[in-house]
Amino acid sequence: MIKLIVAIHRLPDMSPEAFHRHWRTQHAELVKNSPATRKYVRKYVQCHTTPESYEQDEVAYDGTAELWFDSAADRDAFFSDPDYLATIRPDEGRFADMTRTVFFVTEEEPVFDATAAR
């Protein structure tokens, strides 16, 4: 299993509130309802920067997304799928500054998980 982590910057002319609202609602629905997602993605998680971080001016990114895939081939197939290209990708540019957003692929290595033993 591989995990793609996306560190997202909002568009420069977009408020944090508008960014988070769009990402949580419109974009999340597009991803959740996409046939490409159901075919290739095993898990999709959004991690939103807290309002307190904006108040303290401690914002490196506006949030991160995690997309879990069974393989690199599935990741590549998702991002080249016609449904992704037609519906999800165009929406990314409506709220995210794709020139400053960073993508990296990881393999998770659990070290400690207090929730697993409950």
C-alpha atoms as a PDB file:
ATOM      1  CA  MET A   1       0.000   0.000   0.000  1.00  0.00           C
ATOM      2  CA  ILE A   2       1.297   3.455  -0.871  1.00  0.00           C
ATOM      3  CA  LYS A   3       0.100   6.824   0.297  1.00  0.00           C
ATOM      4  CA  LEU A   4       0.247   9.995  -1.755  1.00  0.00           C
ATOM      5  CA  ILE A   5       0.466  13.059   0.469  1.00  0.00           C
ATOM      6  CA  VAL A   6      -0.446  16.401  -1.045  1.00  0.00           C
ATOM      7  CA  ALA A   7       0.582  19.560   0.837  1.00  0.00           C
ATOM      8  CA  ILE A   8      -1.844  22.196  -0.429  1.00  0.00           C
ATOM      9  CA  HIS A   9      -1.571  25.974  -0.690  1.00  0.00           C
ATOM     10  CA  ARG A  10      -4.764  27.923  -1.307  1.00  0.00           C
ATOM     11  CA  LEU A  11      -5.040  30.387  -4.165  1.00  0.00           C
ATOM     12  CA  PRO A  12      -3.463  33.716  -3.186  1.00  0.00           C
ATOM     13  CA  ASP A  13      -6.716  35.684  -3.568  1.00  0.00           C
ATOM     14  CA  MET A  14      -8.815  33.157  -1.607  1.00  0.00           C
ATOM     15  CA  SER A  15      -9.518  33.478   2.103  1.00  0.00           C
ATOM     16  CA  PRO A  16      -8.761  30.523   4.372  1.00  0.00           C
ATOM     17  CA  GLU A  17     -12.491  30.194   5.092  1.00  0.00           C
ATOM     18  CA  ALA A  18     -13.421  30.039   1.401  1.00  0.00           C
ATOM     19  CA  PHE A  19     -10.602  27.583   0.696  1.00  0.00           C
ATOM     20  CA  HIS A  20     -11.600  25.181   3.457  1.00  0.00           C
ATOM     21  CA  ARG A  21     -15.305  25.428   2.610  1.00  0.00           C
ATOM     22  CA  HIS A  22     -14.696  24.589  -1.068  1.00  0.00           C
ATOM     23  CA  TRP A  23     -12.260  21.782  -0.296  1.00  0.00           C
ATOM     24  CA  ARG A  24     -14.518  20.216   2.393  1.00  0.00           C
ATOM     25  CA  THR A  25     -17.688  20.399   0.332  1.00  0.00           C
ATOM     26  CA  GLN A  26     -17.450  20.739  -3.439  1.00  0.00           C
ATOM     27  CA  HIS A  27     -14.081  19.072  -3.953  1.00  0.00           C
ATOM     28  CA  ALA A  28     -14.714  16.320  -1.410  1.00  0.00           C
ATOM     29  CA  GLU A  29     -17.987  15.433  -3.152  1.00  0.00           C
ATOM     30  CA  LEU A  30     -16.287  15.276  -6.555  1.00  0.00           C
ATOM     31  CA  VAL A  31     -13.614  12.928  -5.213  1.00  0.00           C
ATOM     32  CA  LYS A  32     -16.055  10.799  -3.220  1.00  0.00           C
ATOM     33  CA  ASN A  33     -18.477  10.361  -6.134  1.00  0.00           C
ATOM     34  CA  SER A  34     -15.917   9.784  -8.878  1.00  0.00           C
ATOM     35  CA  PRO A  35     -15.882   6.369 -10.586  1.00  0.00           C
ATOM     36  CA  ALA A  36     -12.079   6.745 -10.783  1.00  0.00           C
ATOM     37  CA  THR A  37     -11.902   7.085  -6.996  1.00  0.00           C
ATOM     38  CA  ARG A  38     -14.021   4.003  -6.429  1.00  0.00           C
ATOM     39  CA  LYS A  39     -11.846   2.059  -8.855  1.00  0.00           C
ATOM     40  CA  TYR A  40      -8.347   3.056  -7.663  1.00  0.00           C
ATOM     41  CA  VAL A  41      -8.352   4.887  -4.314  1.00  0.00           C
ATOM     42  CA  ARG A  42      -8.513   2.875  -1.075  1.00  0.00           C
ATOM     43  CA  LYS A  43      -8.733   5.848   1.290  1.00  0.00           C
ATOM     44  CA  TYR A  44      -8.957   9.642   0.977  1.00  0.00           C
ATOM     45  CA  VAL A  45      -8.378  11.911   3.978  1.00  0.00           C
ATOM     46  CA  GLN A  46      -8.304  15.693   4.218  1.00  0.00           C
ATOM     47  CA  CYS A  47      -6.288  17.345   7.006  1.00  0.00           C
ATOM     48  CA  HIS A  48      -7.209  21.022   7.415  1.00  0.00           C
ATOM     49  CA  THR A  49      -4.955  23.614   9.019  1.00  0.00           C
ATOM     50  CA  THR A  50      -6.593  24.856  12.211  1.00  0.00           C
ATOM     51  CA  PRO A  51      -8.062  28.359  12.504  1.00  0.00           C
ATOM     52  CA  GLU A  52      -5.709  28.974  15.450  1.00  0.00           C
ATOM     53  CA  SER A  53      -2.715  28.435  13.176  1.00  0.00           C
ATOM     54  CA  TYR A  54      -3.902  31.262  10.927  1.00  0.00           C
ATOM     55  CA  GLU A  55      -4.341  33.529  13.954  1.00  0.00           C
ATOM     56  CA  GLN A  56      -0.768  32.799  15.045  1.00  0.00           C
ATOM     57  CA  ASP A  57       0.572  33.180  11.488  1.00  0.00           C
ATOM     58  CA  GLU A  58       2.023  29.642  11.567  1.00  0.00           C
ATOM     59  CA  VAL A  59       0.759  28.317   8.246  1.00  0.00           C
ATOM     60  CA  ALA A  60       3.220  26.414   6.064  1.00  0.00           C
ATOM     61  CA  TYR A  61       0.356  24.850   4.083  1.00  0.00           C
ATOM     62  CA  ASP A  62      -3.410  25.203   4.207  1.00  0.00           C
ATOM     63  CA  GLY A  63      -3.785  21.463   4.578  1.00  0.00           C
ATOM     64  CA  THR A  64      -2.776  18.046   3.400  1.00  0.00           C
ATOM     65  CA  ALA A  65      -4.629  15.313   1.576  1.00  0.00           C
ATOM     66  CA  GLU A  66      -3.825  11.626   1.819  1.00  0.00           C
ATOM     67  CA  LEU A  67      -4.752   9.281  -1.001  1.00  0.00           C
ATOM     68  CA  TRP A  68      -4.099   5.582  -0.409  1.00  0.00           C
ATOM     69  CA  PHE A  69      -3.498   3.210  -3.328  1.00  0.00           C
ATOM     70  CA  ASP A  70      -2.699  -0.492  -3.591  1.00  0.00           C
ATOM     71  CA  SER A  71       0.198   0.262  -5.951  1.00  0.00           C
ATOM     72  CA  ALA A  72       2.043   2.932  -7.914  1.00  0.00           C
ATOM     73  CA  ALA A  73       0.293   1.596 -11.012  1.00  0.00           C
ATOM     74  CA  ASP A  74      -3.104   2.328  -9.428  1.00  0.00           C
ATOM     75  CA  ARG A  75      -1.935   5.831  -8.496  1.00  0.00           C
ATOM     76  CA  ASP A  76      -0.846   6.461 -12.076  1.00  0.00           C
ATOM     77  CA  ALA A  77      -4.076   5.001 -13.452  1.00  0.00           C
ATOM     78  CA  PHE A  78      -6.152   7.254 -11.164  1.00  0.00           C
ATOM     79  CA  PHE A  79      -4.388  10.440 -12.271  1.00  0.00           C
ATOM     80  CA  SER A  80      -4.712   9.492 -15.955  1.00  0.00           C
ATOM     81  CA  ASP A  81      -8.319   8.262 -15.712  1.00  0.00           C
ATOM     82  CA  PRO A  82     -10.673  10.275 -17.973  1.00  0.00           C
ATOM     83  CA  ASP A  83     -13.111  10.862 -15.106  1.00  0.00           C
ATOM     84  CA  TYR A  84     -10.377  12.338 -12.878  1.00  0.00           C
ATOM     85  CA  LEU A  85      -9.153  14.499 -15.761  1.00  0.00           C
ATOM     86  CA  ALA A  86     -12.661  15.746 -16.593  1.00  0.00           C
ATOM     87  CA  THR A  87     -14.091  16.381 -13.124  1.00  0.00           C
ATOM     88  CA  ILE A  88     -11.558  16.378 -10.271  1.00  0.00           C
ATOM     89  CA  ARG A  89      -8.487  17.940 -11.846  1.00  0.00           C
ATOM     90  CA  PRO A  90     -10.248  21.080 -13.131  1.00  0.00           C
ATOM     91  CA  ASP A  91     -11.662  21.690  -9.653  1.00  0.00           C
ATOM     92  CA  GLU A  92      -8.208  21.586  -8.041  1.00  0.00           C
ATOM     93  CA  GLY A  93      -7.369  24.868  -9.756  1.00  0.00           C
ATOM     94  CA  ARG A  94     -10.490  26.523  -8.327  1.00  0.00           C
ATOM     95  CA  PHE A  95      -9.137  26.491  -4.761  1.00  0.00           C
ATOM     96  CA  ALA A  96      -5.501  25.272  -4.740  1.00  0.00           C
ATOM     97  CA  ASP A  97      -2.397  27.052  -5.973  1.00  0.00           C
ATOM     98  CA  MET A  98      -1.034  24.105  -7.931  1.00  0.00           C
ATOM     99  CA  THR A  99       2.281  25.902  -8.580  1.00  0.00           C
ATOM    100  CA  ARG A 100       3.020  25.793  -4.810  1.00  0.00           C
ATOM    101  CA  THR A 101       1.295  22.524  -3.917  1.00  0.00           C
ATOM    102  CA  VAL A 102       3.651  19.599  -3.249  1.00  0.00           C
ATOM    103  CA  PHE A 103       2.998  15.902  -3.986  1.00  0.00           C
ATOM    104  CA  PHE A 104       5.035  13.067  -2.516  1.00  0.00           C
ATOM    105  CA  VAL A 105       4.599   9.312  -2.334  1.00  0.00           C
ATOM    106  CA  THR A 106       5.206   7.450   0.909  1.00  0.00           C
ATOM    107  CA  GLU A 107       4.934   4.021   2.442  1.00  0.00           C
ATOM    108  CA  GLU A 108       3.488   4.155   5.921  1.00  0.00           C
ATOM    109  CA  GLU A 109       5.569   2.657   8.696  1.00  0.00           C
ATOM    110  CA  PRO A 110       3.535   2.563  11.926  1.00  0.00           C
ATOM    111  CA  VAL A 111       5.539   3.273  15.057  1.00  0.00           C
ATOM    112  CA  PHE A 112       2.859   3.947  17.665  1.00  0.00           C
ATOM    113  CA  ASP A 113      -0.942   3.876  17.511  1.00  0.00           C
ATOM    114  CA  ALA A 114      -2.796   4.151  20.806  1.00  0.00           C
ATOM    115  CA  THR A 115      -6.139   3.797  19.032  1.00  0.00           C
ATOM    116  CA  ALA A 116      -5.301   0.349  17.599  1.00  0.00           C
ATOM    117  CA  ALA A 117      -5.366  -1.448  20.959  1.00  0.00           C
ATOM    118  CA  ARG A 118      -8.761  -0.134  22.121  1.00  0.00           C
END
